[in-house]
PDB file of all heavy atoms in Angstrom:
ATOM      1  N   TYR A   1      36.655   2.493  -9.381  1.00  0.00           N
ATOM      2  CA  TYR A   1      35.811   2.646  -8.197  1.00  0.00           C
ATOM      3  C   TYR A   1      35.199   1.351  -7.802  1.00  0.00           C
ATOM      4  O   TYR A   1      34.647   0.607  -8.655  1.00  0.00           O
ATOM      5  CB  TYR A   1      34.708   3.671  -8.456  1.00  0.00           C
ATOM      6  CG  TYR A   1      35.167   5.063  -8.732  1.00  0.00           C
ATOM      7  CD1 TYR A   1      35.440   5.487 -10.039  1.00  0.00           C
ATOM      8  CD2 TYR A   1      35.356   5.970  -7.680  1.00  0.00           C
ATOM      9  CE1 TYR A   1      35.881   6.781 -10.263  1.00  0.00           C
ATOM     10  CE2 TYR A   1      35.761   7.266  -7.908  1.00  0.00           C
ATOM     11  CZ  TYR A   1      36.029   7.665  -9.223  1.00  0.00           C
ATOM     12  OH  TYR A   1      36.471   8.943  -9.466  1.00  0.00           O
ATOM     13  N   CYS A   2      35.245   1.044  -6.525  1.00  0.00           N
ATOM     14  CA  CYS A   2      34.564  -0.105  -5.946  1.00  0.00           C
ATOM     15  C   CYS A   2      33.174   0.344  -5.533  1.00  0.00           C
ATOM     16  O   CYS A   2      32.967   1.472  -5.075  1.00  0.00           O
ATOM     17  CB  CYS A   2      35.351  -0.582  -4.747  1.00  0.00           C
ATOM     18  SG  CYS A   2      34.549  -1.930  -3.846  1.00  0.00           S
ATOM     19  N   THR A   3      32.187  -0.551  -5.663  1.00  0.00           N
ATOM     20  CA  THR A   3      30.835  -0.201  -5.324  1.00  0.00           C
ATOM     21  C   THR A   3      30.101  -1.398  -4.711  1.00  0.00           C
ATOM     22  O   THR A   3      30.491  -2.534  -4.922  1.00  0.00           O
ATOM     23  CB  THR A   3      30.107   0.319  -6.580  1.00  0.00           C
ATOM     24  OG1 THR A   3      28.832   0.854  -6.227  1.00  0.00           O
ATOM     25  CG2 THR A   3      29.928  -0.762  -7.607  1.00  0.00           C
ATOM     26  N   MET A   4      29.030  -1.071  -3.981  1.00  0.00           N
ATOM     27  CA  MET A   4      28.292  -2.119  -3.293  1.00  0.00           C
ATOM     28  C   MET A   4      26.773  -1.838  -3.317  1.00  0.00           C
ATOM     29  O   MET A   4      26.359  -0.680  -3.188  1.00  0.00           O
ATOM     30  CB  MET A   4      28.733  -2.273  -1.846  1.00  0.00           C
ATOM     31  CG  MET A   4      28.183  -3.503  -1.164  1.00  0.00           C
ATOM     32  SD  MET A   4      28.404  -3.456   0.624  1.00  0.00           S
ATOM     33  CE  MET A   4      27.002  -2.576   1.110  1.00  0.00           C
ATOM     34  N   ARG A   5      26.012  -2.902  -3.483  1.00  0.00           N
ATOM     35  CA  ARG A   5      24.570  -2.820  -3.350  1.00  0.00           C
ATOM     36  C   ARG A   5      24.149  -3.692  -2.189  1.00  0.00           C
ATOM     37  O   ARG A   5      24.457  -4.879  -2.209  1.00  0.00           O
ATOM     38  CB  ARG A   5      23.857  -3.286  -4.642  1.00  0.00           C
ATOM     39  CG  ARG A   5      22.329  -3.303  -4.556  1.00  0.00           C
ATOM     40  CD  ARG A   5      21.751  -3.877  -5.828  1.00  0.00           C
ATOM     41  NE  ARG A   5      20.301  -4.018  -5.776  1.00  0.00           N
ATOM     42  CZ  ARG A   5      19.456  -3.138  -6.271  1.00  0.00           C
ATOM     43  NH1 ARG A   5      19.903  -2.037  -6.826  1.00  0.00           N
ATOM     44  NH2 ARG A   5      18.148  -3.356  -6.172  1.00  0.00           N
ATOM     45  N   PRO A   6      23.467  -3.111  -1.198  1.00  0.00           N
ATOM     46  CA  PRO A   6      22.977  -3.946  -0.074  1.00  0.00           C
ATOM     47  C   PRO A   6      21.740  -4.712  -0.450  1.00  0.00           C
ATOM     48  O   PRO A   6      21.013  -4.336  -1.368  1.00  0.00           O
ATOM     49  CB  PRO A   6      22.712  -2.921   1.029  1.00  0.00           C
ATOM     50  CG  PRO A   6      22.379  -1.684   0.290  1.00  0.00           C
ATOM     51  CD  PRO A   6      23.200  -1.694  -0.970  1.00  0.00           C
ATOM     52  N   THR A   7      21.507  -5.793   0.272  1.00  0.00           N
ATOM     53  CA  THR A   7      20.273  -6.543   0.087  1.00  0.00           C
ATOM     54  C   THR A   7      19.073  -5.676   0.426  1.00  0.00           C
ATOM     55  O   THR A   7      19.098  -4.936   1.418  1.00  0.00           O
ATOM     56  CB  THR A   7      20.258  -7.780   0.971  1.00  0.00           C
ATOM     57  OG1 THR A   7      21.412  -8.600   0.632  1.00  0.00           O
ATOM     58  CG2 THR A   7      19.009  -8.628   0.780  1.00  0.00           C
ATOM     59  N   GLY A   8      18.050  -5.727  -0.418  1.00  0.00           N
ATOM     60  CA  GLY A   8      16.857  -4.936  -0.196  1.00  0.00           C
ATOM     61  C   GLY A   8      16.940  -3.498  -0.679  1.00  0.00           C
ATOM     62  O   GLY A   8      16.044  -2.686  -0.374  1.00  0.00           O
ATOM     63  N   ALA A   9      17.956  -3.167  -1.386  1.00  0.00           N
ATOM     64  CA  ALA A   9      18.106  -1.794  -1.891  1.00  0.00           C
ATOM     65  C   ALA A   9      16.967  -1.467  -2.879  1.00  0.00           C
ATOM     66  O   ALA A   9      16.462  -2.334  -3.551  1.00  0.00           O
ATOM     67  CB  ALA A   9      19.461  -1.611  -2.621  1.00  0.00           C
ATOM     68  N   ALA A  10      16.602  -0.179  -2.897  1.00  0.00           N
ATOM     69  CA  ALA A  10      15.534   0.252  -3.800  1.00  0.00           C
ATOM     70  C   ALA A  10      16.041   0.284  -5.219  1.00  0.00           C
ATOM     71  O   ALA A  10      17.246   0.363  -5.481  1.00  0.00           O
ATOM     72  CB  ALA A  10      15.081   1.654  -3.391  1.00  0.00           C
ATOM     73  N   GLY A  11      15.108   0.205  -6.164  1.00  0.00           N
ATOM     74  CA  GLY A  11      15.492   0.298  -7.600  1.00  0.00           C
ATOM     75  C   GLY A  11      15.739  -1.058  -8.195  1.00  0.00           C
ATOM     76  O   GLY A  11      15.954  -2.102  -7.516  1.00  0.00           O
ATOM     77  N   ILE A  12      15.704  -1.077  -9.520  1.00  0.00           N
ATOM     78  CA  ILE A  12      15.888  -2.316 -10.280  1.00  0.00           C
ATOM     79  C   ILE A  12      17.349  -2.763 -10.206  1.00  0.00           C
ATOM     80  O   ILE A  12      18.267  -1.970 -10.267  1.00  0.00           O
ATOM     81  CB  ILE A  12      15.455  -2.089 -11.731  1.00  0.00           C
ATOM     82  CG1 ILE A  12      13.950  -1.773 -11.800  1.00  0.00           C
ATOM     83  CG2 ILE A  12      15.784  -3.307 -12.604  1.00  0.00           C
ATOM     84  CD1 ILE A  12      13.492  -1.315 -13.157  1.00  0.00           C
ATOM     85  N   TRP A  13      17.552  -4.038 -10.059  1.00  0.00           N
ATOM     86  CA  TRP A  13      18.887  -4.629 -10.072  1.00  0.00           C
ATOM     87  C   TRP A  13      19.345  -4.803 -11.538  1.00  0.00           C
ATOM     88  O   TRP A  13      18.798  -5.575 -12.296  1.00  0.00           O
ATOM     89  CB  TRP A  13      18.932  -5.961  -9.364  1.00  0.00           C
ATOM     90  CG  TRP A  13      20.187  -6.761  -9.566  1.00  0.00           C
ATOM     91  CD1 TRP A  13      20.296  -8.018 -10.044  1.00  0.00           C
ATOM     92  CD2 TRP A  13      21.517  -6.298  -9.355  1.00  0.00           C
ATOM     93  NE1 TRP A  13      21.598  -8.399 -10.119  1.00  0.00           N
ATOM     94  CE2 TRP A  13      22.384  -7.367  -9.700  1.00  0.00           C
ATOM     95  CE3 TRP A  13      22.089  -5.112  -8.930  1.00  0.00           C
ATOM     96  CZ2 TRP A  13      23.794  -7.272  -9.582  1.00  0.00           C
ATOM     97  CZ3 TRP A  13      23.467  -5.017  -8.784  1.00  0.00           C
ATOM     98  CH2 TRP A  13      24.296  -6.078  -9.135  1.00  0.00           C
ATOM     99  N   SER A  14      20.336  -4.001 -11.871  1.00  0.00           N
ATOM    100  CA  SER A  14      20.955  -4.074 -13.185  1.00  0.00           C
ATOM    101  C   SER A  14      22.435  -3.932 -12.941  1.00  0.00           C
ATOM    102  O   SER A  14      22.935  -2.818 -12.726  1.00  0.00           O
ATOM    103  CB  SER A  14      20.439  -2.954 -14.083  1.00  0.00           C
ATOM    104  OG  SER A  14      21.113  -2.983 -15.319  1.00  0.00           O
ATOM    105  N   PRO A  15      23.210  -5.018 -12.965  1.00  0.00           N
ATOM    106  CA  PRO A  15      24.582  -4.985 -12.525  1.00  0.00           C
ATOM    107  C   PRO A  15      25.460  -4.009 -13.293  1.00  0.00           C
ATOM    108  O   PRO A  15      26.477  -3.543 -12.753  1.00  0.00           O
ATOM    109  CB  PRO A  15      25.070  -6.412 -12.702  1.00  0.00           C
ATOM    110  CG  PRO A  15      24.120  -7.053 -13.614  1.00  0.00           C
ATOM    111  CD  PRO A  15      22.826  -6.378 -13.398  1.00  0.00           C
ATOM    112  N   ARG A  16      25.091  -3.671 -14.565  1.00  0.00           N
ATOM    113  CA  ARG A  16      25.935  -2.806 -15.347  1.00  0.00           C
ATOM    114  C   ARG A  16      25.569  -1.345 -15.208  1.00  0.00           C
ATOM    115  O   ARG A  16      26.234  -0.497 -15.842  1.00  0.00           O
ATOM    116  CB  ARG A  16      25.849  -3.222 -16.827  1.00  0.00           C
ATOM    117  CG  ARG A  16      26.440  -4.617 -17.079  1.00  0.00           C
ATOM    118  CD  ARG A  16      26.248  -5.068 -18.524  1.00  0.00           C
ATOM    119  NE  ARG A  16      26.975  -6.312 -18.777  1.00  0.00           N
ATOM    120  CZ  ARG A  16      26.476  -7.502 -18.498  1.00  0.00           C
ATOM    121  NH1 ARG A  16      25.304  -7.632 -17.985  1.00  0.00           N
ATOM    122  NH2 ARG A  16      27.212  -8.607 -18.759  1.00  0.00           N
ATOM    123  N   SER A  17      24.598  -1.011 -14.413  1.00  0.00           N
ATOM    124  CA  SER A  17      24.179   0.370 -14.214  1.00  0.00           C
ATOM    125  C   SER A  17      24.687   0.911 -12.885  1.00  0.00           C
ATOM    126  O   SER A  17      24.492   0.283 -11.834  1.00  0.00           O
ATOM    127  CB  SER A  17      22.660   0.485 -14.219  1.00  0.00           C
ATOM    128  OG  SER A  17      22.255   1.759 -13.815  1.00  0.00           O
ATOM    129  N   HIS A  18      25.319   2.074 -12.911  1.00  0.00           N
ATOM    130  CA  HIS A  18      25.831   2.614 -11.654  1.00  0.00           C
ATOM    131  C   HIS A  18      24.691   3.043 -10.724  1.00  0.00           C
ATOM    132  O   HIS A  18      24.883   3.187  -9.529  1.00  0.00           O
ATOM    133  CB  HIS A  18      26.793   3.770 -11.892  1.00  0.00           C
ATOM    134  CG  HIS A  18      26.166   5.014 -12.469  1.00  0.00           C
ATOM    135  ND1 HIS A  18      25.948   5.174 -13.834  1.00  0.00           N
ATOM    136  CD2 HIS A  18      25.696   6.136 -11.856  1.00  0.00           C
ATOM    137  CE1 HIS A  18      25.385   6.363 -13.989  1.00  0.00           C
ATOM    138  NE2 HIS A  18      25.229   6.953 -12.855  1.00  0.00           N
ATOM    139  N   TYR A  19      23.483   3.196 -11.274  1.00  0.00           N
ATOM    140  CA  TYR A  19      22.341   3.551 -10.410  1.00  0.00           C
ATOM    141  C   TYR A  19      21.919   2.395  -9.498  1.00  0.00           C
ATOM    142  O   TYR A  19      21.192   2.604  -8.537  1.00  0.00           O
ATOM    143  CB  TYR A  19      21.157   3.962 -11.273  1.00  0.00           C
ATOM    144  CG  TYR A  19      21.351   5.230 -12.068  1.00  0.00           C
ATOM    145  CD1 TYR A  19      21.534   5.182 -13.449  1.00  0.00           C
ATOM    146  CD2 TYR A  19      21.405   6.468 -11.420  1.00  0.00           C
ATOM    147  CE1 TYR A  19      21.711   6.349 -14.166  1.00  0.00           C
ATOM    148  CE2 TYR A  19      21.596   7.610 -12.140  1.00  0.00           C
ATOM    149  CZ  TYR A  19      21.753   7.563 -13.516  1.00  0.00           C
ATOM    150  OH  TYR A  19      21.960   8.712 -14.230  1.00  0.00           O
ATOM    151  N   ALA A  20      22.380   1.201  -9.811  1.00  0.00           N
ATOM    152  CA  ALA A  20      22.006   0.013  -8.992  1.00  0.00           C
ATOM    153  C   ALA A  20      22.756  -0.106  -7.698  1.00  0.00           C
ATOM    154  O   ALA A  20      22.421  -0.954  -6.892  1.00  0.00           O
ATOM    155  CB  ALA A  20      22.207  -1.253  -9.823  1.00  0.00           C
ATOM    156  N   TYR A  21      23.742   0.743  -7.487  1.00  0.00           N
ATOM    157  CA  TYR A  21      24.644   0.617  -6.324  1.00  0.00           C
ATOM    158  C   TYR A  21      24.494   1.816  -5.413  1.00  0.00           C
ATOM    159  O   TYR A  21      24.277   2.940  -5.840  1.00  0.00           O
ATOM    160  CB  TYR A  21      26.091   0.507  -6.792  1.00  0.00           C
ATOM    161  CG  TYR A  21      26.318  -0.704  -7.687  1.00  0.00           C
ATOM    162  CD1 TYR A  21      26.158  -0.589  -9.066  1.00  0.00           C
ATOM    163  CD2 TYR A  21      26.660  -1.948  -7.159  1.00  0.00           C
ATOM    164  CE1 TYR A  21      26.358  -1.700  -9.894  1.00  0.00           C
ATOM    165  CE2 TYR A  21      26.862  -3.032  -7.937  1.00  0.00           C
ATOM    166  CZ  TYR A  21      26.702  -2.919  -9.336  1.00  0.00           C
ATOM    167  OH  TYR A  21      26.883  -4.009 -10.120  1.00  0.00           O
ATOM    168  N   ASP A  22      24.597   1.542  -4.120  1.00  0.00           N
ATOM    169  CA  ASP A  22      24.404   2.591  -3.099  1.00  0.00           C
ATOM    170  C   ASP A  22      25.657   3.166  -2.502  1.00  0.00           C
ATOM    171  O   ASP A  22      25.658   4.304  -2.053  1.00  0.00           O
ATOM    172  CB  ASP A  22      23.547   2.028  -1.966  1.00  0.00           C
ATOM    173  CG  ASP A  22      22.096   1.816  -2.362  1.00  0.00           C
ATOM    174  OD1 ASP A  22      21.748   2.152  -3.496  1.00  0.00           O
ATOM    175  OD2 ASP A  22      21.315   1.285  -1.527  1.00  0.00           O
ATOM    176  N   TYR A  23      26.735   2.382  -2.496  1.00  0.00           N
ATOM    177  CA  TYR A  23      27.948   2.813  -1.795  1.00  0.00           C
ATOM    178  C   TYR A  23      29.103   2.753  -2.762  1.00  0.00           C
ATOM    179  O   TYR A  23      29.240   1.830  -3.568  1.00  0.00           O
ATOM    180  CB  TYR A  23      28.215   1.948  -0.554  1.00  0.00           C
ATOM    181  CG  TYR A  23      27.119   2.032   0.449  1.00  0.00           C
ATOM    182  CD1 TYR A  23      26.127   1.048   0.554  1.00  0.00           C
ATOM    183  CD2 TYR A  23      27.047   3.119   1.337  1.00  0.00           C
ATOM    184  CE1 TYR A  23      25.127   1.130   1.453  1.00  0.00           C
ATOM    185  CE2 TYR A  23      26.033   3.209   2.283  1.00  0.00           C
ATOM    186  CZ  TYR A  23      25.067   2.205   2.321  1.00  0.00           C
ATOM    187  OH  TYR A  23      24.065   2.304   3.240  1.00  0.00           O
ATOM    188  N   TRP A  24      30.014   3.752  -2.610  1.00  0.00           N
ATOM    189  CA  TRP A  24      31.149   3.884  -3.533  1.00  0.00           C
ATOM    190  C   TRP A  24      32.413   4.156  -2.746  1.00  0.00           C
ATOM    191  O   TRP A  24      32.395   4.861  -1.727  1.00  0.00           O
ATOM    192  CB  TRP A  24      30.923   5.023  -4.503  1.00  0.00           C
ATOM    193  CG  TRP A  24      29.795   4.763  -5.446  1.00  0.00           C
ATOM    194  CD1 TRP A  24      28.450   4.960  -5.245  1.00  0.00           C
ATOM    195  CD2 TRP A  24      29.896   4.170  -6.769  1.00  0.00           C
ATOM    196  NE1 TRP A  24      27.713   4.577  -6.321  1.00  0.00           N
ATOM    197  CE2 TRP A  24      28.555   4.080  -7.276  1.00  0.00           C
ATOM    198  CE3 TRP A  24      30.946   3.738  -7.537  1.00  0.00           C
ATOM    199  CZ2 TRP A  24      28.318   3.555  -8.533  1.00  0.00           C
ATOM    200  CZ3 TRP A  24      30.687   3.198  -8.791  1.00  0.00           C
ATOM    201  CH2 TRP A  24      29.385   3.137  -9.286  1.00  0.00           C
ATOM    202  N   GLY A  25      33.517   3.621  -3.216  1.00  0.00           N
ATOM    203  CA  GLY A  25      34.810   3.958  -2.660  1.00  0.00           C
ATOM    204  C   GLY A  25      35.326   5.286  -3.239  1.00  0.00           C
ATOM    205  O   GLY A  25      34.680   5.877  -4.111  1.00  0.00           O
ATOM    206  N   GLN A  26      36.500   5.700  -2.784  1.00  0.00           N
ATOM    207  CA  GLN A  26      37.071   6.978  -3.232  1.00  0.00           C
ATOM    208  C   GLN A  26      37.709   6.859  -4.584  1.00  0.00           C
ATOM    209  O   GLN A  26      37.925   7.883  -5.252  1.00  0.00           O
ATOM    210  CB  GLN A  26      38.123   7.431  -2.200  1.00  0.00           C
ATOM    211  CG  GLN A  26      37.523   7.881  -0.888  1.00  0.00           C
ATOM    212  CD  GLN A  26      36.601   9.065  -1.045  1.00  0.00           C
ATOM    213  OE1 GLN A  26      36.975  10.091  -1.599  1.00  0.00           O
ATOM    214  NE2 GLN A  26      35.377   8.932  -0.508  1.00  0.00           N
TER     215      GLN A  26
END
């Protein structure tokens, strides 16, 4: 799965956590 975090997203930035990302591919 590809994923993206936009600038200014809520939550702590932790690159290894899937909770850090807002958008996901199929």
